[in-house]
Amino acid sequence: MPGKLGFNAELTNGKNKFMKVQLELYKFKENDIHIIYCPSLDLSACGETDADVKKAFGEILTIHINYCIQENTFIKDLQKHGWLIQKEKQRGIKAPTTEMLLSKSKTLKDIIYNKEYEKVSEYVEMPELI
């Protein structure tokens, strides 16, 4: 059973309406540095300890999503990373599958085929898209 990271992301939007989405994250170590990689957003963070990398990933996720919202590129960014979005209903948002990500991401291929890793599913809140 996959573990939980328990990181925090503080997201803002004008409506203060959020939805929960599941992100698949890959945790591994390289040269004694802890790394978390999120292929569905192509985001990563590193730290000297497990706690450091969790905190760093939460900060990076927060900055990335808030920036995309501020620039009105949030939906476009998700679509660029393979997310399927049906604007008619909120439940029409789906993260890309692992198979799809593997076909596009050299980074994910390297992690899966060349590193010892732990795959973790984490629910995070993202601003509603409609």
C-alpha atoms as a PDB file:
ATOM      1  CA  MET A   1       0.000   0.000   0.000  1.00  0.00           C
ATOM      2  CA  PRO A   2       1.499   3.349  -0.988  1.00  0.00           C
ATOM      3  CA  GLY A   3       2.524   5.714   1.763  1.00  0.00           C
ATOM      4  CA  LYS A   4       1.434   9.278   2.324  1.00  0.00           C
ATOM      5  CA  LEU A   5       3.738  12.249   2.088  1.00  0.00           C
ATOM      6  CA  GLY A   6       1.604  14.684   4.021  1.00  0.00           C
ATOM      7  CA  PHE A   7       2.901  17.859   2.393  1.00  0.00           C
ATOM      8  CA  ASN A   8       0.945  21.108   2.400  1.00  0.00           C
ATOM      9  CA  ALA A   9       0.158  23.355  -0.540  1.00  0.00           C
ATOM     10  CA  GLU A  10      -1.465  26.709   0.132  1.00  0.00           C
ATOM     11  CA  LEU A  11      -3.420  27.613  -2.965  1.00  0.00           C
ATOM     12  CA  THR A  12      -5.399  30.729  -3.627  1.00  0.00           C
ATOM     13  CA  ASN A  13      -8.050  31.684  -6.119  1.00  0.00           C
ATOM     14  CA  GLY A  14     -10.670  34.389  -6.212  1.00  0.00           C
ATOM     15  CA  LYS A  15     -13.603  32.028  -5.649  1.00  0.00           C
ATOM     16  CA  ASN A  16     -12.026  30.021  -2.814  1.00  0.00           C
ATOM     17  CA  LYS A  17     -13.522  26.854  -4.301  1.00  0.00           C
ATOM     18  CA  PHE A  18     -11.334  23.804  -4.473  1.00  0.00           C
ATOM     19  CA  MET A  19     -11.477  20.216  -5.652  1.00  0.00           C
ATOM     20  CA  LYS A  20      -9.377  17.247  -4.601  1.00  0.00           C
ATOM     21  CA  VAL A  21      -7.256  15.530  -7.206  1.00  0.00           C
ATOM     22  CA  GLN A  22      -4.957  12.575  -6.856  1.00  0.00           C
ATOM     23  CA  LEU A  23      -1.323  13.009  -7.829  1.00  0.00           C
ATOM     24  CA  GLU A  24       1.112  10.164  -8.285  1.00  0.00           C
ATOM     25  CA  LEU A  25       4.492  11.059  -6.853  1.00  0.00           C
ATOM     26  CA  TYR A  26       7.784   9.214  -7.066  1.00  0.00           C
ATOM     27  CA  LYS A  27      10.188   9.384  -4.121  1.00  0.00           C
ATOM     28  CA  PHE A  28      13.803   8.350  -4.519  1.00  0.00           C
ATOM     29  CA  LYS A  29      17.319   9.218  -3.429  1.00  0.00           C
ATOM     30  CA  GLU A  30      20.206  10.230  -5.619  1.00  0.00           C
ATOM     31  CA  ASN A  31      23.654  10.940  -4.157  1.00  0.00           C
ATOM     32  CA  ASP A  32      22.072  11.010  -0.662  1.00  0.00           C
ATOM     33  CA  ILE A  33      19.590  13.720  -1.722  1.00  0.00           C
ATOM     34  CA  HIS A  34      15.866  13.012  -1.290  1.00  0.00           C
ATOM     35  CA  ILE A  35      13.815  13.764  -4.409  1.00  0.00           C
ATOM     36  CA  ILE A  36      10.084  13.860  -5.155  1.00  0.00           C
ATOM     37  CA  TYR A  37       8.946  13.933  -8.774  1.00  0.00           C
ATOM     38  CA  CYS A  38       5.374  14.511  -9.963  1.00  0.00           C
ATOM     39  CA  PRO A  39       5.202  13.475 -13.635  1.00  0.00           C
ATOM     40  CA  SER A  40       1.624  14.689 -14.183  1.00  0.00           C
ATOM     41  CA  LEU A  41       2.773  18.272 -13.517  1.00  0.00           C
ATOM     42  CA  ASP A  42       6.470  17.766 -14.341  1.00  0.00           C
ATOM     43  CA  LEU A  43       7.467  19.192 -10.962  1.00  0.00           C
ATOM     44  CA  SER A  44      10.210  18.016  -8.651  1.00  0.00           C
ATOM     45  CA  ALA A  45      11.811  19.020  -5.393  1.00  0.00           C
ATOM     46  CA  CYS A  46      14.826  17.903  -3.428  1.00  0.00           C
ATOM     47  CA  GLY A  47      16.055  18.091   0.128  1.00  0.00           C
ATOM     48  CA  GLU A  48      18.607  16.688   2.538  1.00  0.00           C
ATOM     49  CA  THR A  49      15.944  14.834   4.543  1.00  0.00           C
ATOM     50  CA  ASP A  50      12.527  13.361   3.905  1.00  0.00           C
ATOM     51  CA  ALA A  51      10.939  16.246   5.821  1.00  0.00           C
ATOM     52  CA  ASP A  52      12.903  18.807   3.776  1.00  0.00           C
ATOM     53  CA  VAL A  53      11.775  17.372   0.449  1.00  0.00           C
ATOM     54  CA  LYS A  54       8.126  17.170   1.541  1.00  0.00           C
ATOM     55  CA  LYS A  55       8.204  20.819   2.557  1.00  0.00           C
ATOM     56  CA  ALA A  56      10.004  21.835  -0.645  1.00  0.00           C
ATOM     57  CA  PHE A  57       7.549  19.968  -2.849  1.00  0.00           C
ATOM     58  CA  GLY A  58       4.580  21.604  -1.124  1.00  0.00           C
ATOM     59  CA  GLU A  59       6.161  25.013  -1.699  1.00  0.00           C
ATOM     60  CA  ILE A  60       6.925  24.297  -5.366  1.00  0.00           C
ATOM     61  CA  LEU A  61       3.416  22.974  -5.990  1.00  0.00           C
ATOM     62  CA  THR A  62       1.930  26.072  -4.349  1.00  0.00           C
ATOM     63  CA  ILE A  63       4.088  28.460  -6.360  1.00  0.00           C
ATOM     64  CA  HIS A  64       3.440  26.639  -9.644  1.00  0.00           C
ATOM     65  CA  ILE A  65      -0.342  26.473  -9.328  1.00  0.00           C
ATOM     66  CA  ASN A  66      -0.724  29.998  -7.959  1.00  0.00           C
ATOM     67  CA  TYR A  67       1.443  31.335 -10.794  1.00  0.00           C
ATOM     68  CA  CYS A  68      -0.608  29.482 -13.421  1.00  0.00           C
ATOM     69  CA  ILE A  69      -3.819  30.859 -11.913  1.00  0.00           C
ATOM     70  CA  GLN A  70      -2.433  34.401 -11.809  1.00  0.00           C
ATOM     71  CA  GLU A  71      -1.371  34.150 -15.464  1.00  0.00           C
ATOM     72  CA  ASN A  72      -4.654  32.462 -16.522  1.00  0.00           C
ATOM     73  CA  THR A  73      -2.726  29.451 -17.814  1.00  0.00           C
ATOM     74  CA  PHE A  74      -3.822  26.810 -15.293  1.00  0.00           C
ATOM     75  CA  ILE A  75      -6.066  24.809 -17.645  1.00  0.00           C
ATOM     76  CA  LYS A  76      -3.606  25.160 -20.514  1.00  0.00           C
ATOM     77  CA  ASP A  77      -0.767  23.930 -18.272  1.00  0.00           C
ATOM     78  CA  LEU A  78      -2.742  20.892 -17.143  1.00  0.00           C
ATOM     79  CA  GLN A  79      -3.659  20.052 -20.745  1.00  0.00           C
ATOM     80  CA  LYS A  80      -0.017  20.457 -21.793  1.00  0.00           C
ATOM     81  CA  HIS A  81       0.858  17.794 -19.239  1.00  0.00           C
ATOM     82  CA  GLY A  82      -1.783  15.378 -20.532  1.00  0.00           C
ATOM     83  CA  TRP A  83      -4.714  16.120 -18.221  1.00  0.00           C
ATOM     84  CA  LEU A  84      -8.160  15.551 -19.720  1.00  0.00           C
ATOM     85  CA  ILE A  85     -10.557  18.349 -18.869  1.00  0.00           C
ATOM     86  CA  GLN A  86     -14.256  18.503 -19.654  1.00  0.00           C
ATOM     87  CA  LYS A  87     -15.473  21.967 -18.758  1.00  0.00           C
ATOM     88  CA  GLU A  88     -19.128  20.959 -18.475  1.00  0.00           C
ATOM     89  CA  LYS A  89     -18.644  19.181 -15.163  1.00  0.00           C
ATOM     90  CA  GLN A  90     -16.020  19.415 -12.476  1.00  0.00           C
ATOM     91  CA  ARG A  91     -15.616  15.662 -12.239  1.00  0.00           C
ATOM     92  CA  GLY A  92     -14.484  15.664 -15.834  1.00  0.00           C
ATOM     93  CA  ILE A  93     -10.865  16.324 -14.836  1.00  0.00           C
ATOM     94  CA  LYS A  94      -8.494  13.365 -15.045  1.00  0.00           C
ATOM     95  CA  ALA A  95      -4.768  13.207 -14.553  1.00  0.00           C
ATOM     96  CA  PRO A  96      -2.777  11.443 -17.264  1.00  0.00           C
ATOM     97  CA  THR A  97      -2.255   7.721 -16.837  1.00  0.00           C
ATOM     98  CA  THR A  98       1.120   6.287 -15.910  1.00  0.00           C
ATOM     99  CA  GLU A  99       1.304   4.630 -19.348  1.00  0.00           C
ATOM    100  CA  MET A 100       0.778   7.972 -21.091  1.00  0.00           C
ATOM    101  CA  LEU A 101       3.356   9.678 -18.890  1.00  0.00           C
ATOM    102  CA  LEU A 102       5.877   6.910 -19.554  1.00  0.00           C
ATOM    103  CA  SER A 103       5.472   7.414 -23.291  1.00  0.00           C
ATOM    104  CA  LYS A 104       6.272  11.143 -22.953  1.00  0.00           C
ATOM    105  CA  SER A 105       8.587  11.590 -19.963  1.00  0.00           C
ATOM    106  CA  LYS A 106      12.259  10.635 -20.129  1.00  0.00           C
ATOM    107  CA  THR A 107      12.536  11.595 -16.466  1.00  0.00           C
ATOM    108  CA  LEU A 108       9.816   9.143 -15.411  1.00  0.00           C
ATOM    109  CA  LYS A 109      11.357   6.375 -17.545  1.00  0.00           C
ATOM    110  CA  ASP A 110      14.713   6.971 -15.880  1.00  0.00           C
ATOM    111  CA  ILE A 111      13.163   6.792 -12.406  1.00  0.00           C
ATOM    112  CA  ILE A 112      11.165   3.630 -13.079  1.00  0.00           C
ATOM    113  CA  TYR A 113      13.854   1.725 -14.959  1.00  0.00           C
ATOM    114  CA  ASN A 114      17.030   2.912 -13.237  1.00  0.00           C
ATOM    115  CA  LYS A 115      16.276   3.925  -9.656  1.00  0.00           C
ATOM    116  CA  GLU A 116      14.923   2.467  -6.465  1.00  0.00           C
ATOM    117  CA  TYR A 117      11.765   4.462  -5.860  1.00  0.00           C
ATOM    118  CA  GLU A 118       8.537   4.554  -3.916  1.00  0.00           C
ATOM    119  CA  LYS A 119       5.339   5.493  -5.728  1.00  0.00           C
ATOM    120  CA  VAL A 120       2.977   7.490  -3.548  1.00  0.00           C
ATOM    121  CA  SER A 121      -0.572   8.620  -4.291  1.00  0.00           C
ATOM    122  CA  GLU A 122      -1.443  11.906  -2.644  1.00  0.00           C
ATOM    123  CA  TYR A 123      -4.686  13.868  -2.733  1.00  0.00           C
ATOM    124  CA  VAL A 124      -4.214  17.615  -3.049  1.00  0.00           C
ATOM    125  CA  GLU A 125      -6.636  20.486  -3.365  1.00  0.00           C
ATOM    126  CA  MET A 126      -6.614  22.434  -6.599  1.00  0.00           C
ATOM    127  CA  PRO A 127      -8.769  25.412  -7.505  1.00  0.00           C
ATOM    128  CA  GLU A 128     -11.973  24.545  -9.309  1.00  0.00           C
ATOM    129  CA  LEU A 129     -11.638  25.020 -13.026  1.00  0.00           C
ATOM    130  CA  ILE A 130     -15.135  26.326 -13.749  1.00  0.00           C
END
